[in-house]
Amino acid sequence: MRKLLFLAVSAFLLLSSCDNDDNSEPTVLGTWKMTKEMYISGKDNSIFDSTPYSACKSQSNFVFAADNTATFSQYDLNGTTCTLKNSSNFTYSYDSKTKTLTLDANNTQESYVLNSLTDNEMQILTNTDDYNDDGIDDKSVIVFNK
């Protein structure tokens, strides 16, 4: 009995003491679907408006590949049918220190600051303005989920 208890405790200690070497930061790699638009208060960072996208528009997505190429596919209703409205290919870079995502399509660059990036959610800052009339600029973000 003592040996069994010793083995169980040893196994538990061995498994719980394993060092997790996965200290990597989240990346933009993968497929990200548009889910909603949010407005975040510049005063206290609270969300004061959140609008989910329709089932059709939520099919719109970015696909970021490891070779720094990407595709954006935009879906919208055509009458009552959800159709692919536009698809764009481009190259990209992401600076994790400045949280800047730069997209380059046909030598035209656009840079976006990520308000937030986790393993499952990416918030792209689209604009700043005083949306709630409190005299302080707020953030407009588009939320993408994996």
C-alpha atoms as a PDB file:
ATOM      1  CA  MET A   1       0.000   0.000   0.000  1.00  0.00           C
ATOM      2  CA  ARG A   2       2.833   2.351   0.901  1.00  0.00           C
ATOM      3  CA  LYS A   3       4.530   1.684  -2.480  1.00  0.00           C
ATOM      4  CA  LEU A   4       1.299   2.420  -4.328  1.00  0.00           C
ATOM      5  CA  LEU A   5       0.834   5.674  -2.436  1.00  0.00           C
ATOM      6  CA  PHE A   6       4.488   6.603  -3.075  1.00  0.00           C
ATOM      7  CA  LEU A   7       4.089   5.911  -6.822  1.00  0.00           C
ATOM      8  CA  ALA A   8       0.877   7.939  -7.008  1.00  0.00           C
ATOM      9  CA  VAL A   9       2.429  10.918  -5.194  1.00  0.00           C
ATOM     10  CA  SER A  10       5.610  10.665  -7.302  1.00  0.00           C
ATOM     11  CA  ALA A  11       3.616  10.588 -10.523  1.00  0.00           C
ATOM     12  CA  PHE A  12       1.534  13.571  -9.409  1.00  0.00           C
ATOM     13  CA  LEU A  13       4.639  15.581  -8.481  1.00  0.00           C
ATOM     14  CA  LEU A  14       6.359  14.667 -11.731  1.00  0.00           C
ATOM     15  CA  LEU A  15       3.375  15.692 -13.849  1.00  0.00           C
ATOM     16  CA  SER A  16       2.639  18.870 -11.922  1.00  0.00           C
ATOM     17  CA  SER A  17       6.256  20.008 -11.952  1.00  0.00           C
ATOM     18  CA  CYS A  18       6.649  19.802 -15.712  1.00  0.00           C
ATOM     19  CA  ASP A  19       7.706  23.173 -17.019  1.00  0.00           C
ATOM     20  CA  ASN A  20       5.379  24.595 -19.627  1.00  0.00           C
ATOM     21  CA  ASP A  21       7.686  25.934 -22.307  1.00  0.00           C
ATOM     22  CA  ASP A  22       4.752  27.312 -24.313  1.00  0.00           C
ATOM     23  CA  ASN A  23       5.293  30.951 -23.399  1.00  0.00           C
ATOM     24  CA  SER A  24       4.617  32.106 -26.927  1.00  0.00           C
ATOM     25  CA  GLU A  25       2.468  35.109 -27.620  1.00  0.00           C
ATOM     26  CA  PRO A  26      -0.740  34.748 -29.612  1.00  0.00           C
ATOM     27  CA  THR A  27      -0.278  35.115 -33.365  1.00  0.00           C
ATOM     28  CA  VAL A  28      -2.500  36.227 -36.200  1.00  0.00           C
ATOM     29  CA  LEU A  29      -1.990  32.899 -37.998  1.00  0.00           C
ATOM     30  CA  GLY A  30      -5.146  31.041 -38.891  1.00  0.00           C
ATOM     31  CA  THR A  31      -8.701  31.757 -39.983  1.00  0.00           C
ATOM     32  CA  TRP A  32     -10.493  34.646 -38.266  1.00  0.00           C
ATOM     33  CA  LYS A  33     -14.235  35.199 -38.792  1.00  0.00           C
ATOM     34  CA  MET A  34     -15.877  38.597 -38.288  1.00  0.00           C
ATOM     35  CA  THR A  35     -18.287  38.412 -35.361  1.00  0.00           C
ATOM     36  CA  LYS A  36     -19.203  41.900 -34.209  1.00  0.00           C
ATOM     37  CA  GLU A  37     -18.417  45.589 -33.990  1.00  0.00           C
ATOM     38  CA  MET A  38     -17.804  47.153 -30.590  1.00  0.00           C
ATOM     39  CA  TYR A  39     -17.411  50.655 -29.224  1.00  0.00           C
ATOM     40  CA  ILE A  40     -15.067  51.019 -26.256  1.00  0.00           C
ATOM     41  CA  SER A  41     -15.087  54.037 -23.960  1.00  0.00           C
ATOM     42  CA  GLY A  42     -11.923  56.127 -23.965  1.00  0.00           C
ATOM     43  CA  LYS A  43     -12.778  57.175 -20.424  1.00  0.00           C
ATOM     44  CA  ASP A  44     -12.842  53.786 -18.669  1.00  0.00           C
ATOM     45  CA  ASN A  45     -12.341  51.090 -21.393  1.00  0.00           C
ATOM     46  CA  SER A  46     -15.887  49.767 -20.906  1.00  0.00           C
ATOM     47  CA  ILE A  47     -17.859  48.488 -23.893  1.00  0.00           C
ATOM     48  CA  PHE A  48     -20.851  50.761 -24.401  1.00  0.00           C
ATOM     49  CA  ASP A  49     -22.131  49.308 -27.670  1.00  0.00           C
ATOM     50  CA  SER A  50     -21.725  45.911 -29.275  1.00  0.00           C
ATOM     51  CA  THR A  51     -23.438  44.860 -32.488  1.00  0.00           C
ATOM     52  CA  PRO A  52     -23.142  41.253 -33.687  1.00  0.00           C
ATOM     53  CA  TYR A  53     -22.884  40.721 -37.418  1.00  0.00           C
ATOM     54  CA  SER A  54     -25.542  38.766 -39.313  1.00  0.00           C
ATOM     55  CA  ALA A  55     -25.030  35.068 -39.990  1.00  0.00           C
ATOM     56  CA  CYS A  56     -24.057  35.933 -43.556  1.00  0.00           C
ATOM     57  CA  LYS A  57     -21.626  38.754 -42.730  1.00  0.00           C
ATOM     58  CA  SER A  58     -20.081  36.541 -40.022  1.00  0.00           C
ATOM     59  CA  GLN A  59     -18.809  34.283 -42.791  1.00  0.00           C
ATOM     60  CA  SER A  60     -16.432  37.092 -43.806  1.00  0.00           C
ATOM     61  CA  ASN A  61     -12.928  36.144 -42.759  1.00  0.00           C
ATOM     62  CA  PHE A  62      -9.198  36.682 -42.834  1.00  0.00           C
ATOM     63  CA  VAL A  63      -6.902  33.723 -43.419  1.00  0.00           C
ATOM     64  CA  PHE A  64      -3.307  34.459 -42.373  1.00  0.00           C
ATOM     65  CA  ALA A  65      -0.689  31.933 -43.517  1.00  0.00           C
ATOM     66  CA  ALA A  66       2.779  31.319 -42.075  1.00  0.00           C
ATOM     67  CA  ASP A  67       4.424  32.564 -45.297  1.00  0.00           C
ATOM     68  CA  ASN A  68       3.029  36.083 -44.644  1.00  0.00           C
ATOM     69  CA  THR A  69       0.333  35.810 -47.288  1.00  0.00           C
ATOM     70  CA  ALA A  70      -3.311  36.295 -46.482  1.00  0.00           C
ATOM     71  CA  THR A  71      -6.774  36.401 -47.959  1.00  0.00           C
ATOM     72  CA  PHE A  72      -9.809  38.417 -46.937  1.00  0.00           C
ATOM     73  CA  SER A  73     -13.185  37.082 -48.053  1.00  0.00           C
ATOM     74  CA  GLN A  74     -16.205  39.340 -47.622  1.00  0.00           C
ATOM     75  CA  TYR A  75     -19.722  37.917 -47.618  1.00  0.00           C
ATOM     76  CA  ASP A  76     -22.951  39.854 -47.893  1.00  0.00           C
ATOM     77  CA  LEU A  77     -26.594  39.276 -48.718  1.00  0.00           C
ATOM     78  CA  ASN A  78     -27.634  39.460 -52.348  1.00  0.00           C
ATOM     79  CA  GLY A  79     -31.379  39.573 -51.876  1.00  0.00           C
ATOM     80  CA  THR A  80     -31.892  36.624 -49.561  1.00  0.00           C
ATOM     81  CA  THR A  81     -28.779  34.690 -50.626  1.00  0.00           C
ATOM     82  CA  CYS A  82     -25.463  34.976 -48.805  1.00  0.00           C
ATOM     83  CA  THR A  83     -22.770  35.392 -51.455  1.00  0.00           C
ATOM     84  CA  LEU A  84     -19.066  36.099 -51.647  1.00  0.00           C
ATOM     85  CA  LYS A  85     -18.937  39.808 -52.423  1.00  0.00           C
ATOM     86  CA  ASN A  86     -15.179  40.281 -52.568  1.00  0.00           C
ATOM     87  CA  SER A  87     -11.973  38.334 -52.047  1.00  0.00           C
ATOM     88  CA  SER A  88      -8.552  39.956 -51.737  1.00  0.00           C
ATOM     89  CA  ASN A  89      -5.082  38.448 -51.563  1.00  0.00           C
ATOM     90  CA  PHE A  90      -2.223  40.306 -49.947  1.00  0.00           C
ATOM     91  CA  THR A  91       0.918  40.010 -47.901  1.00  0.00           C
ATOM     92  CA  TYR A  92       1.050  41.000 -44.264  1.00  0.00           C
ATOM     93  CA  SER A  93       3.330  41.596 -41.323  1.00  0.00           C
ATOM     94  CA  TYR A  94       2.547  41.783 -37.630  1.00  0.00           C
ATOM     95  CA  ASP A  95       4.645  43.621 -35.047  1.00  0.00           C
ATOM     96  CA  SER A  96       3.733  42.191 -31.649  1.00  0.00           C
ATOM     97  CA  LYS A  97       5.494  45.015 -29.772  1.00  0.00           C
ATOM     98  CA  THR A  98       3.425  47.784 -31.368  1.00  0.00           C
ATOM     99  CA  LYS A  99       0.443  45.476 -32.080  1.00  0.00           C
ATOM    100  CA  THR A 100       0.469  46.735 -35.669  1.00  0.00           C
ATOM    101  CA  LEU A 101      -0.891  44.608 -38.499  1.00  0.00           C
ATOM    102  CA  THR A 102       0.247  45.842 -41.912  1.00  0.00           C
ATOM    103  CA  LEU A 103      -1.509  44.632 -45.063  1.00  0.00           C
ATOM    104  CA  ASP A 104       0.025  45.133 -48.515  1.00  0.00           C
ATOM    105  CA  ALA A 105      -2.096  44.583 -51.626  1.00  0.00           C
ATOM    106  CA  ASN A 106      -0.770  45.708 -54.993  1.00  0.00           C
ATOM    107  CA  ASN A 107       1.860  47.933 -53.318  1.00  0.00           C
ATOM    108  CA  THR A 108      -0.809  49.725 -51.289  1.00  0.00           C
ATOM    109  CA  GLN A 109      -0.160  49.402 -47.565  1.00  0.00           C
ATOM    110  CA  GLU A 110      -2.666  49.815 -44.784  1.00  0.00           C
ATOM    111  CA  SER A 111      -1.741  49.468 -41.122  1.00  0.00           C
ATOM    112  CA  TYR A 112      -4.096  48.643 -38.274  1.00  0.00           C
ATOM    113  CA  VAL A 113      -3.495  48.603 -34.544  1.00  0.00           C
ATOM    114  CA  LEU A 114      -4.856  45.567 -32.749  1.00  0.00           C
ATOM    115  CA  ASN A 115      -6.782  46.599 -29.680  1.00  0.00           C
ATOM    116  CA  SER A 116      -6.479  43.028 -28.416  1.00  0.00           C
ATOM    117  CA  LEU A 117      -5.113  39.667 -29.579  1.00  0.00           C
ATOM    118  CA  THR A 118      -5.633  36.341 -27.817  1.00  0.00           C
ATOM    119  CA  ASP A 119      -5.512  32.774 -29.103  1.00  0.00           C
ATOM    120  CA  ASN A 120      -9.236  32.995 -29.987  1.00  0.00           C
ATOM    121  CA  GLU A 121     -10.059  36.674 -30.476  1.00  0.00           C
ATOM    122  CA  MET A 122      -8.586  39.546 -32.475  1.00  0.00           C
ATOM    123  CA  GLN A 123      -9.881  43.121 -32.176  1.00  0.00           C
ATOM    124  CA  ILE A 124      -8.869  45.451 -35.007  1.00  0.00           C
ATOM    125  CA  LEU A 125      -9.084  49.145 -34.192  1.00  0.00           C
ATOM    126  CA  THR A 126     -10.939  50.810 -37.057  1.00  0.00           C
ATOM    127  CA  ASN A 127     -11.438  54.355 -35.804  1.00  0.00           C
ATOM    128  CA  THR A 128     -11.330  56.697 -32.833  1.00  0.00           C
ATOM    129  CA  ASP A 129     -13.949  59.364 -32.226  1.00  0.00           C
ATOM    130  CA  ASP A 130     -16.175  60.626 -29.439  1.00  0.00           C
ATOM    131  CA  TYR A 131     -19.028  58.192 -30.113  1.00  0.00           C
ATOM    132  CA  ASN A 132     -20.753  58.618 -26.742  1.00  0.00           C
ATOM    133  CA  ASP A 133     -20.476  62.429 -26.540  1.00  0.00           C
ATOM    134  CA  ASP A 134     -18.497  62.541 -23.286  1.00  0.00           C
ATOM    135  CA  GLY A 135     -15.681  64.679 -24.710  1.00  0.00           C
ATOM    136  CA  ILE A 136     -13.185  61.757 -24.811  1.00  0.00           C
ATOM    137  CA  ASP A 137     -12.295  59.795 -27.941  1.00  0.00           C
ATOM    138  CA  ASP A 138     -13.580  56.218 -27.943  1.00  0.00           C
ATOM    139  CA  LYS A 139     -12.494  53.189 -29.996  1.00  0.00           C
ATOM    140  CA  SER A 140     -14.401  51.435 -32.738  1.00  0.00           C
ATOM    141  CA  VAL A 141     -13.200  47.851 -33.212  1.00  0.00           C
ATOM    142  CA  ILE A 142     -14.141  44.900 -35.362  1.00  0.00           C
ATOM    143  CA  VAL A 143     -13.961  41.616 -33.484  1.00  0.00           C
ATOM    144  CA  PHE A 144     -12.778  38.429 -35.179  1.00  0.00           C
ATOM    145  CA  ASN A 145     -12.852  34.944 -33.667  1.00  0.00           C
ATOM    146  CA  LYS A 146     -11.074  31.724 -34.618  1.00  0.00           C
END
